[in-house]
Amino acid sequence: MSCIRFNTPAQRAQMKAMAPSMITAEQAAELHPAPEVTDSKIARIRLLASDANPKIRESVASNHHTPVDVFEALANDPDDGVRACVARNEHAPCDVLRMLVQDPSDTVRGFLAINFFIPDDAMSTLSEDDSATVQRLVRWKRELADV
């Protein structure tokens, strides 16, 4: 099942007509501020990063508040899904993203290729990747940037 949604012209017109009455992201943030990041939250993140369940580790790898050393450890996780979550996390440090350029998984390198926060040198390496999938994703991202 695809997560891409194609709206009809009528649906787009209806959404456009409703837009003025909708709440903005800024208004929503003011009404419902994010909870403070506390030392206990960081401690929980560290604890969950070593959980036996890779899905739990994926949630840590996707978190915006994951500490650098935890990102580094998760970038070396034996599970491809965990490493893929690090690769697509826009808050992962550049040095951690660079580590993943040589990952054995096409999926990890593919997610890395579409992360808009990947350093230029890492993107250059990915543009020469042996995987046709990774190369297509690199070209796709470049085309998006040119639009």
Protein backbone atom coordinates (compact mmCIF):
# COMPACT_ATOMS: atom_id res chain seq x y z
CA MET A 1 0.00 0.00 0.00
CA SER A 2 1.33 3.41 -0.93
CA CYS A 3 1.33 6.39 1.39
CA ILE A 4 1.20 8.73 -1.61
CA ARG A 5 -2.20 10.29 -2.03
CA PHE A 6 -3.46 11.66 -5.30
CA ASN A 7 -6.29 14.16 -4.88
CA THR A 8 -8.79 14.92 -7.58
CA PRO A 9 -9.18 18.52 -8.79
CA ALA A 10 -12.47 18.72 -6.85
CA GLN A 11 -10.77 17.56 -3.65
CA ARG A 12 -7.95 20.07 -4.09
CA ALA A 13 -10.48 22.88 -4.64
CA GLN A 14 -12.37 21.87 -1.50
CA MET A 15 -9.15 21.82 0.57
CA LYS A 16 -8.17 25.22 -0.81
CA ALA A 17 -11.58 26.65 0.11
CA MET A 18 -11.26 25.28 3.66
CA ALA A 19 -7.68 26.53 4.18
CA PRO A 20 -8.52 29.99 5.61
CA SER A 21 -10.53 28.44 8.43
CA MET A 22 -7.86 25.89 9.31
CA ILE A 23 -5.39 26.36 12.14
CA THR A 24 -1.77 27.03 11.18
CA ALA A 25 1.17 24.98 12.46
CA GLU A 26 2.33 27.99 14.49
CA GLN A 27 -1.10 28.36 16.13
CA ALA A 28 -1.17 24.65 16.92
CA ALA A 29 2.29 24.88 18.52
CA GLU A 30 1.14 27.77 20.69
CA LEU A 31 -1.98 25.89 21.78
CA HIS A 32 -0.18 22.60 22.35
CA PRO A 33 3.50 23.25 23.14
CA ALA A 34 5.89 20.30 23.06
CA PRO A 35 6.89 19.03 26.48
CA GLU A 36 10.25 20.08 27.85
CA VAL A 37 13.19 17.77 27.14
CA THR A 38 14.37 16.71 30.57
CA ASP A 39 17.30 14.65 31.83
CA SER A 40 14.88 11.83 32.58
CA LYS A 41 13.64 11.85 28.97
CA ILE A 42 17.22 11.58 27.70
CA ALA A 43 17.83 8.75 30.20
CA ARG A 44 14.76 6.91 28.82
CA ILE A 45 16.02 7.42 25.26
CA ARG A 46 19.38 5.92 26.26
CA LEU A 47 17.68 2.96 27.92
CA LEU A 48 15.36 2.29 24.97
CA ALA A 49 18.31 2.44 22.53
CA SER A 50 19.55 -0.86 23.95
CA ASP A 51 16.17 -2.63 23.92
CA ALA A 52 16.12 -6.11 22.38
CA ASN A 53 13.19 -5.15 20.13
CA PRO A 54 14.47 -3.45 16.96
CA LYS A 55 11.17 -1.53 16.61
CA ILE A 56 11.89 0.17 19.95
CA ARG A 57 15.40 1.04 18.76
CA GLU A 58 13.86 2.40 15.53
CA SER A 59 11.76 4.80 17.60
CA VAL A 60 14.92 6.06 19.31
CA ALA A 61 16.67 6.40 15.94
CA SER A 62 13.72 8.49 14.72
CA ASN A 63 13.67 10.75 17.78
CA HIS A 64 14.73 14.39 17.44
CA HIS A 65 16.30 14.44 20.89
CA THR A 66 18.52 11.38 20.60
CA PRO A 67 22.04 12.20 21.87
CA VAL A 68 24.96 12.06 19.43
CA ASP A 69 26.61 9.03 21.05
CA VAL A 70 23.33 7.11 20.83
CA PHE A 71 22.96 8.05 17.14
CA GLU A 72 26.50 6.73 16.61
CA ALA A 73 25.66 3.43 18.28
CA LEU A 74 22.40 3.07 16.35
CA ALA A 75 24.20 3.77 13.06
CA ASN A 76 26.09 0.53 13.77
CA ASP A 77 23.00 -1.44 14.81
CA PRO A 78 22.72 -4.94 13.31
CA ASP A 79 19.14 -4.23 12.19
CA ASP A 80 18.70 -2.51 8.79
CA GLY A 81 15.48 -0.86 9.95
CA VAL A 82 17.20 0.88 12.84
CA ARG A 83 19.99 2.17 10.62
CA ALA A 84 17.41 3.31 8.05
CA CYS A 85 15.66 5.37 10.73
CA VAL A 86 18.97 7.04 11.58
CA ALA A 87 19.61 7.68 7.86
CA ARG A 88 16.30 9.49 7.37
CA ASN A 89 16.37 11.46 10.64
CA GLU A 90 16.93 15.15 9.84
CA HIS A 91 18.37 15.65 13.33
CA ALA A 92 21.07 13.00 13.01
CA PRO A 93 24.53 14.59 13.12
CA CYS A 94 26.35 14.97 9.78
CA ASP A 95 29.21 12.74 10.91
CA VAL A 96 26.74 9.96 11.71
CA LEU A 97 25.12 10.35 8.29
CA ARG A 98 28.57 10.14 6.70
CA MET A 99 29.10 6.82 8.52
CA LEU A 100 26.08 5.36 6.75
CA VAL A 101 27.28 6.13 3.21
CA GLN A 102 29.12 2.80 3.18
CA ASP A 103 26.24 0.84 4.77
CA PRO A 104 25.71 -2.59 3.19
CA SER A 105 21.95 -2.04 2.90
CA ASP A 106 20.53 -0.37 -0.23
CA THR A 107 17.53 0.65 1.88
CA VAL A 108 19.71 2.52 4.39
CA ARG A 109 21.68 4.25 1.64
CA GLY A 110 18.43 5.04 -0.17
CA PHE A 111 16.97 6.78 2.87
CA LEU A 112 20.25 8.58 3.30
CA ALA A 113 20.07 9.80 -0.30
CA ILE A 114 16.69 11.48 0.26
CA ASN A 115 17.60 13.08 3.60
CA PHE A 116 17.84 16.81 2.82
CA PHE A 117 20.34 17.28 5.67
CA ILE A 118 23.02 14.94 4.33
CA PRO A 119 26.39 16.67 3.82
CA ASP A 120 27.45 17.41 0.22
CA ASP A 121 30.48 15.10 0.38
CA ALA A 122 28.31 12.17 1.47
CA MET A 123 25.78 12.94 -1.26
CA SER A 124 28.60 13.00 -3.79
CA THR A 125 29.66 9.53 -2.67
CA LEU A 126 26.08 8.28 -2.96
CA SER A 127 25.85 9.65 -6.50
CA GLU A 128 28.48 7.06 -7.46
CA ASP A 129 26.79 4.21 -5.55
CA ASP A 130 26.70 0.76 -7.16
CA SER A 131 22.98 0.41 -6.43
CA ALA A 132 20.66 1.48 -9.24
CA THR A 133 17.99 2.25 -6.62
CA VAL A 134 20.28 4.59 -4.69
CA GLN A 135 21.36 6.31 -7.91
CA ARG A 136 17.70 6.82 -8.94
CA LEU A 137 16.95 8.35 -5.53
CA VAL A 138 19.94 10.68 -5.82
CA ARG A 139 18.71 11.83 -9.28
CA TRP A 140 15.13 12.20 -7.97
CA LYS A 141 16.31 14.40 -5.09
CA ARG A 142 18.37 16.54 -7.45
CA GLU A 143 15.35 16.98 -9.72
CA LEU A 144 13.30 18.11 -6.72
CA ALA A 145 15.94 20.66 -5.83
CA ASP A 146 15.91 22.02 -9.37
CA VAL A 147 12.15 22.61 -9.34
